[in-house]
Amino acid sequence: METIKRIGVLTSGGDAPGMNAAVRAVVRTAIANGLECIGIRRGWQGLINCDFVQLTRESVAHLLSRGGTVLYTARSEEFMTEMGRQKAVATCRMLGLDGIIAIGGDGTFRGALELSRLGVPVVGIPATIDNDVGCTNYTIGFDSACNTAIECIDKLRDTMQSHERCSVVEVMGRSAGFLALYVGTAVGATAVLVPEHKVDFERDVVERIRASRLAGYTHFMVVVAEGAGNAMDIGQKIHEALGISPRITVIGHIQRGGSPTGRDRETATRMGYYAVQSFVEGRGNCIIATQEGSIVEIPIEEAMKMEKHLQMDRYRIMEVMQFGNGQLHER
């Protein structure tokens, strides 16, 4: 790789708490190594449209605690075309960018891979509340989103207990259940529905609520990932099967917002640092990942072939906590 003098940084796809901390780390590490850093606004579409801002040490001050992304984010259908990617390459040449650091999830990295094949070096930083990037154990934003959902459900449980009701709570997770399972275990849910586990409604929902009721409990919490079913439909099925009327709550985009947790701030800072170091040390074309507690670099071609599966032993742990003897339910 030729000597790096100027790099670009962008955030793409769904926003996640901690993205700003990653941007801050990229900028300050770049400056510490004598590099210029250009912020590309609105993701890959911004690279096509030449939508940029010069970033300085001062311009990224006070970003550690801010949610969302100051560089904005967008999804770009145009970038998925050959013509769109050629426009992006032309922007890199015009701005004199020697490489791009892309912060986002799998969709972002697919774009980064295509750009690298056109000769623009890239480094990816995984940031998505779904924690579903195959090459890394952890993605920026997951801890913050989990804590937001847990706080909401804890408050909801207070009123459910007071009125002796069933609550169905839908959390994000269109194709992955990491968020739902983590949150469900943390709040002691009666049942958790995830896309990776084929739902037997009678066994996974009805019987668990029935067993809890027979054990003397009168409030029930069902957590469902959006990809495992619609909360309204699940509530209706519960009503038809058991004659109770669940209250439906869709937490939605609240999970994306808010100040990032300490874990997300610290992880984002380390990932941003190592992303720049990859360029400085002449590598690039990789994803910065966490594996067994350490930050590692994985070549982007290899990283995009890796898969991550829900740890079903965690699902079993959740079940044991609720029904260790077949009738036990977490208060």
Protein backbone atom coordinates (compact mmCIF):
# COMPACT_ATOMS: atom_id res chain seq x y z
CA MET A 1 0.00 0.00 0.00
CA GLU A 2 1.27 3.48 -0.87
CA THR A 3 1.91 6.05 1.85
CA ILE A 4 -1.35 7.23 3.37
CA LYS A 5 -1.84 10.99 3.68
CA ARG A 6 -5.60 11.53 3.77
CA ILE A 7 -8.44 9.19 4.73
CA GLY A 8 -12.21 9.41 4.71
CA VAL A 9 -14.61 8.14 7.38
CA LEU A 10 -18.32 7.44 7.00
CA THR A 11 -21.22 5.85 8.86
CA SER A 12 -23.77 3.83 6.93
CA GLY A 13 -26.89 1.73 7.47
CA GLY A 14 -28.80 1.87 10.74
CA ASP A 15 -27.34 4.20 13.36
CA ALA A 16 -26.00 2.75 16.59
CA PRO A 17 -24.93 4.35 19.88
CA GLY A 18 -21.14 4.59 19.83
CA MET A 19 -20.75 5.50 16.16
CA ASN A 20 -19.75 9.03 17.16
CA ALA A 21 -17.16 7.67 19.57
CA ALA A 22 -15.69 5.64 16.70
CA VAL A 23 -15.58 8.71 14.44
CA ARG A 24 -13.83 10.65 17.20
CA ALA A 25 -11.24 7.92 17.64
CA VAL A 26 -10.59 7.70 13.89
CA VAL A 27 -10.08 11.45 13.57
CA ARG A 28 -7.82 11.85 16.58
CA THR A 29 -5.73 8.79 15.74
CA ALA A 30 -5.35 9.99 12.16
CA ILE A 31 -4.21 13.44 13.29
CA ALA A 32 -1.79 11.90 15.79
CA ASN A 33 -0.21 10.06 12.85
CA GLY A 34 0.00 13.13 10.67
CA LEU A 35 -2.97 12.26 8.46
CA GLU A 36 -5.85 14.42 7.31
CA CYS A 37 -9.35 13.09 7.92
CA ILE A 38 -12.40 13.88 5.79
CA GLY A 39 -15.90 13.07 7.02
CA ILE A 40 -18.20 11.67 4.33
CA ARG A 41 -21.77 12.57 5.20
CA ARG A 42 -24.74 10.28 4.54
CA GLY A 43 -22.80 7.07 3.99
CA TRP A 44 -22.06 5.64 0.55
CA GLN A 45 -24.54 8.05 -1.02
CA GLY A 46 -22.47 10.91 0.31
CA LEU A 47 -19.38 9.44 -1.33
CA ILE A 48 -21.26 9.41 -4.65
CA ASN A 49 -22.51 12.99 -4.16
CA CYS A 50 -19.22 14.36 -2.82
CA ASP A 51 -20.91 15.35 0.45
CA PHE A 52 -18.02 15.90 2.86
CA VAL A 53 -16.68 17.92 5.77
CA GLN A 54 -13.12 18.51 6.98
CA LEU A 55 -12.67 16.96 10.42
CA THR A 56 -10.31 18.31 13.07
CA ARG A 57 -9.43 17.37 16.61
CA GLU A 58 -11.71 20.15 17.85
CA SER A 59 -14.63 19.25 15.59
CA VAL A 60 -14.96 15.82 17.20
CA ALA A 61 -14.76 17.07 20.78
CA HIS A 62 -17.60 16.03 23.11
CA LEU A 63 -18.76 13.19 20.82
CA LEU A 64 -18.17 10.33 23.25
CA SER A 65 -21.53 10.72 24.95
CA ARG A 66 -23.62 11.60 21.88
CA GLY A 67 -25.95 9.04 20.34
CA GLY A 68 -26.72 8.78 16.64
CA THR A 69 -24.08 9.89 14.15
CA VAL A 70 -22.94 13.43 13.41
CA LEU A 71 -21.98 12.30 9.90
CA TYR A 72 -25.59 11.21 9.28
CA THR A 73 -26.39 7.90 7.64
CA ALA A 74 -28.34 6.68 4.66
CA ARG A 75 -28.88 3.62 2.51
CA SER A 76 -27.82 3.93 -1.11
CA GLU A 77 -29.34 1.85 -3.89
CA GLU A 78 -27.22 3.78 -6.38
CA PHE A 79 -24.01 2.57 -4.72
CA MET A 80 -25.08 -1.01 -5.38
CA THR A 81 -24.75 -0.34 -9.11
CA GLU A 82 -21.49 -0.32 -11.06
CA MET A 83 -22.08 3.26 -12.17
CA GLY A 84 -22.68 4.40 -8.60
CA ARG A 85 -19.49 2.77 -7.35
CA GLN A 86 -17.51 4.37 -10.17
CA LYS A 87 -18.85 7.77 -9.05
CA ALA A 88 -17.68 6.97 -5.53
CA VAL A 89 -14.20 6.08 -6.80
CA ALA A 90 -14.12 9.36 -8.73
CA THR A 91 -14.97 11.25 -5.52
CA CYS A 92 -12.11 9.50 -3.70
CA ARG A 93 -9.72 10.59 -6.45
CA MET A 94 -11.00 14.16 -6.51
CA LEU A 95 -10.66 14.50 -2.71
CA GLY A 96 -7.31 12.71 -2.69
CA LEU A 97 -8.52 10.01 -0.31
CA ASP A 98 -6.03 7.18 0.15
CA GLY A 99 -8.52 5.01 2.01
CA ILE A 100 -11.98 4.85 3.58
CA ILE A 101 -12.99 3.77 7.09
CA ALA A 102 -16.60 2.55 6.97
CA ILE A 103 -18.58 2.22 10.20
CA GLY A 104 -21.71 0.05 10.01
CA GLY A 105 -22.98 -3.49 9.55
CA ASP A 106 -23.02 -6.18 6.88
CA GLY A 107 -24.61 -3.95 4.22
CA THR A 108 -21.95 -1.32 4.82
CA PHE A 109 -19.21 -3.91 4.53
CA ARG A 110 -20.59 -5.34 1.30
CA GLY A 111 -20.23 -1.85 -0.12
CA ALA A 112 -16.73 -1.58 1.31
CA LEU A 113 -15.76 -4.88 -0.28
CA GLU A 114 -16.93 -3.73 -3.70
CA LEU A 115 -15.02 -0.46 -3.31
CA SER A 116 -11.85 -2.32 -2.36
CA ARG A 117 -12.13 -4.37 -5.54
CA LEU A 118 -12.04 -1.10 -7.48
CA GLY A 119 -8.74 -0.14 -5.90
CA VAL A 120 -9.82 2.01 -2.93
CA PRO A 121 -8.40 0.58 0.33
CA VAL A 122 -11.02 0.21 3.06
CA VAL A 123 -11.25 -0.70 6.73
CA GLY A 124 -14.57 -1.61 8.36
CA ILE A 125 -15.68 -1.00 11.94
CA PRO A 126 -18.72 -3.10 12.97
CA ALA A 127 -21.51 -1.00 14.47
CA THR A 128 -25.07 -2.32 14.65
CA ILE A 129 -27.44 -2.86 17.56
CA ASP A 130 -28.32 -6.32 16.18
CA ASN A 131 -24.80 -7.69 16.85
CA ASP A 132 -25.19 -9.84 13.73
CA VAL A 133 -21.89 -9.25 11.89
CA GLY A 134 -20.41 -12.69 11.30
CA CYS A 135 -16.71 -11.97 11.81
CA THR A 136 -16.92 -10.29 15.23
CA ASN A 137 -18.14 -11.33 18.65
CA TYR A 138 -19.34 -7.81 19.39
CA THR A 139 -20.63 -4.81 17.45
CA ILE A 140 -20.74 -1.21 18.65
CA GLY A 141 -24.21 -0.25 19.88
CA PHE A 142 -25.39 -3.65 21.10
CA ASP A 143 -24.84 -3.02 24.80
CA SER A 144 -26.52 0.39 24.66
CA ALA A 145 -29.56 -0.97 22.82
CA CYS A 146 -29.89 -3.86 25.27
CA ASN A 147 -29.76 -1.53 28.27
CA THR A 148 -32.35 0.79 26.73
CA ALA A 149 -34.73 -2.12 26.12
CA ILE A 150 -34.13 -3.54 29.59
CA GLU A 151 -34.90 -0.19 31.20
CA CYS A 152 -38.14 0.09 29.21
CA ILE A 153 -39.23 -3.44 30.08
CA ASP A 154 -38.39 -3.05 33.77
CA LYS A 155 -40.71 -0.04 33.90
CA LEU A 156 -43.36 -1.87 31.94
CA ARG A 157 -43.14 -4.84 34.30
CA ASP A 158 -43.99 -2.59 37.25
CA THR A 159 -47.39 -1.75 35.78
CA MET A 160 -47.96 -5.30 34.49
CA GLN A 161 -47.44 -6.65 38.01
CA SER A 162 -49.77 -4.04 39.47
CA HIS A 163 -52.58 -5.00 37.09
CA GLU A 164 -51.74 -8.72 36.83
CA ARG A 165 -51.42 -8.66 33.07
CA CYS A 166 -49.50 -10.23 30.22
CA SER A 167 -47.22 -8.03 28.15
CA VAL A 168 -45.83 -8.75 24.68
CA VAL A 169 -42.79 -6.61 23.92
CA GLU A 170 -41.30 -6.42 20.43
CA VAL A 171 -37.62 -5.51 20.15
CA MET A 172 -35.48 -5.05 17.06
CA GLY A 173 -33.87 -7.96 15.28
CA ARG A 174 -35.20 -8.62 11.79
CA SER A 175 -32.94 -11.58 11.02
CA ALA A 176 -31.09 -12.16 14.29
CA GLY A 177 -32.24 -12.75 17.84
CA PHE A 178 -29.13 -11.69 19.80
CA LEU A 179 -30.82 -8.58 21.17
CA ALA A 180 -34.09 -10.31 22.08
CA LEU A 181 -32.39 -13.24 23.81
CA TYR A 182 -30.02 -11.04 25.80
CA VAL A 183 -32.83 -8.73 26.87
CA GLY A 184 -35.26 -11.57 27.58
CA THR A 185 -32.75 -13.31 29.83
CA ALA A 186 -31.89 -10.06 31.61
CA VAL A 187 -35.54 -9.24 32.43
CA GLY A 188 -36.64 -12.78 33.30
CA ALA A 189 -39.13 -13.06 30.44
CA THR A 190 -41.69 -15.84 30.47
CA ALA A 191 -40.92 -16.55 26.81
CA VAL A 192 -38.50 -15.24 24.18
CA LEU A 193 -39.10 -15.66 20.46
CA VAL A 194 -36.15 -15.35 18.07
CA PRO A 195 -35.81 -15.93 14.30
CA GLU A 196 -33.20 -18.66 14.77
CA HIS A 197 -35.49 -20.87 16.85
CA LYS A 198 -38.55 -22.25 15.06
CA VAL A 199 -41.55 -21.27 17.12
CA ASP A 200 -43.98 -23.90 18.34
CA PHE A 201 -46.57 -21.47 19.69
CA GLU A 202 -48.28 -23.97 21.98
CA ARG A 203 -44.99 -25.13 23.49
CA ASP A 204 -42.97 -21.90 23.45
CA VAL A 205 -45.64 -19.43 24.53
CA VAL A 206 -48.95 -20.93 25.66
CA GLU A 207 -47.53 -23.70 27.84
CA ARG A 208 -45.02 -21.36 29.47
CA ILE A 209 -47.69 -18.86 30.39
CA ARG A 210 -49.93 -21.70 31.60
CA ALA A 211 -47.13 -23.21 33.73
CA SER A 212 -46.44 -19.82 35.28
CA ARG A 213 -50.11 -19.35 36.11
CA LEU A 214 -50.33 -22.81 37.67
CA ALA A 215 -47.27 -21.92 39.76
CA GLY A 216 -49.20 -18.97 41.18
CA TYR A 217 -47.96 -16.06 39.06
CA THR A 218 -50.36 -13.61 37.48
CA HIS A 219 -48.13 -11.45 35.29
CA PHE A 220 -46.24 -12.65 32.20
CA MET A 221 -43.64 -11.09 29.92
CA VAL A 222 -43.13 -12.26 26.33
CA VAL A 223 -40.19 -10.74 24.41
CA VAL A 224 -40.18 -11.17 20.64
CA ALA A 225 -37.61 -10.18 18.01
CA GLU A 226 -39.30 -8.41 15.10
CA GLY A 227 -38.09 -11.15 12.75
CA ALA A 228 -39.76 -13.88 14.82
CA GLY A 229 -43.28 -12.52 14.59
CA ASN A 230 -45.53 -9.51 14.89
CA ALA A 231 -46.29 -8.54 18.48
CA MET A 232 -49.93 -7.77 17.67
CA ASP A 233 -50.41 -11.20 16.07
CA ILE A 234 -48.75 -12.93 18.99
CA GLY A 235 -50.94 -11.03 21.44
CA GLN A 236 -54.05 -12.08 19.52
CA LYS A 237 -52.97 -15.74 19.55
CA ILE A 238 -52.39 -15.58 23.30
CA HIS A 239 -55.87 -14.14 23.75
CA GLU A 240 -57.44 -16.89 21.63
CA ALA A 241 -55.54 -19.67 23.42
CA LEU A 242 -55.78 -18.50 27.03
CA GLY A 243 -58.55 -15.91 27.17
CA ILE A 244 -56.27 -13.18 28.50
CA SER A 245 -55.75 -9.83 26.76
CA PRO A 246 -52.04 -8.96 26.50
CA ARG A 247 -50.80 -5.40 26.33
CA ILE A 248 -48.60 -4.82 23.27
CA THR A 249 -45.47 -2.65 23.32
CA VAL A 250 -43.16 -2.10 20.34
CA ILE A 251 -40.00 -0.43 21.62
CA GLY A 252 -38.88 0.39 18.08
CA HIS A 253 -36.30 3.05 17.32
CA ILE A 254 -35.96 4.10 20.95
CA GLN A 255 -33.38 1.30 21.06
CA ARG A 256 -31.17 3.14 18.56
CA GLY A 257 -31.05 6.41 20.46
CA GLY A 258 -29.52 7.71 23.63
CA SER A 259 -26.06 8.08 25.07
CA PRO A 260 -23.84 5.01 24.50
CA THR A 261 -22.83 2.88 27.47
CA GLY A 262 -19.28 2.75 28.75
CA ARG A 263 -18.69 -0.53 26.94
CA ASP A 264 -19.73 0.92 23.60
CA ARG A 265 -17.67 4.08 24.09
CA GLU A 266 -14.56 2.13 25.03
CA THR A 267 -14.96 -0.51 22.30
CA ALA A 268 -15.62 2.17 19.66
CA THR A 269 -12.52 4.06 20.74
CA ARG A 270 -10.29 1.00 20.49
CA MET A 271 -11.76 -0.05 17.14
CA GLY A 272 -11.32 3.45 15.72
CA TYR A 273 -7.71 3.52 16.84
CA TYR A 274 -6.87 0.14 15.30
CA ALA A 275 -8.70 1.00 12.06
CA VAL A 276 -6.36 3.93 11.46
CA GLN A 277 -3.33 1.93 12.56
CA SER A 278 -4.16 -0.66 9.91
CA PHE A 279 -3.71 2.03 7.26
CA VAL A 280 -0.68 3.59 8.92
CA GLU A 281 1.08 0.22 9.06
CA GLY A 282 0.38 -0.44 5.38
CA ARG A 283 -2.42 -3.01 5.52
CA GLY A 284 -6.06 -1.98 5.09
CA ASN A 285 -8.80 -3.95 3.29
CA CYS A 286 -9.91 -5.55 6.54
CA ILE A 287 -12.60 -5.52 9.22
CA ILE A 288 -11.68 -4.58 12.79
CA ALA A 289 -13.29 -7.25 14.96
CA THR A 290 -13.41 -8.50 18.52
CA GLN A 291 -12.61 -12.15 19.18
CA GLU A 292 -12.14 -13.61 22.65
CA GLY A 293 -11.89 -10.15 24.14
CA SER A 294 -9.16 -8.88 21.82
CA ILE A 295 -9.25 -6.53 18.83
CA VAL A 296 -8.18 -8.31 15.64
CA GLU A 297 -7.97 -7.56 11.92
CA ILE A 298 -9.66 -9.92 9.47
CA PRO A 299 -9.12 -9.54 5.70
CA ILE A 300 -12.37 -8.21 4.29
CA GLU A 301 -12.79 -10.98 1.72
CA GLU A 302 -12.49 -13.57 4.48
CA ALA A 303 -14.61 -11.60 6.95
CA MET A 304 -17.56 -11.38 4.57
CA LYS A 305 -17.69 -15.18 4.28
CA MET A 306 -17.91 -15.72 8.04
CA GLU A 307 -21.20 -16.47 9.77
CA LYS A 308 -22.34 -16.02 13.35
CA HIS A 309 -25.03 -18.17 14.90
CA LEU A 310 -27.12 -17.56 17.99
CA GLN A 311 -25.63 -19.43 20.92
CA MET A 312 -28.45 -21.81 21.68
CA ASP A 313 -26.90 -22.70 25.03
CA ARG A 314 -27.93 -19.18 26.06
CA TYR A 315 -31.48 -19.98 24.98
CA ARG A 316 -31.33 -23.10 27.13
CA ILE A 317 -30.04 -21.09 30.10
CA MET A 318 -32.96 -18.70 29.69
CA GLU A 319 -35.36 -21.65 29.69
CA VAL A 320 -33.81 -23.17 32.83
CA MET A 321 -34.07 -19.85 34.66
CA GLN A 322 -37.80 -19.81 33.95
CA PHE A 323 -38.71 -23.50 34.10
CA GLY A 324 -35.85 -25.34 35.77
CA ASN A 325 -38.26 -27.92 37.20
CA GLY A 326 -40.90 -27.55 34.51
CA GLN A 327 -42.99 -25.13 36.62
CA LEU A 328 -40.58 -22.42 37.74
CA HIS A 329 -41.06 -18.84 36.64
CA GLU A 330 -38.83 -15.87 37.38
CA ARG A 331 -40.54 -13.24 39.51
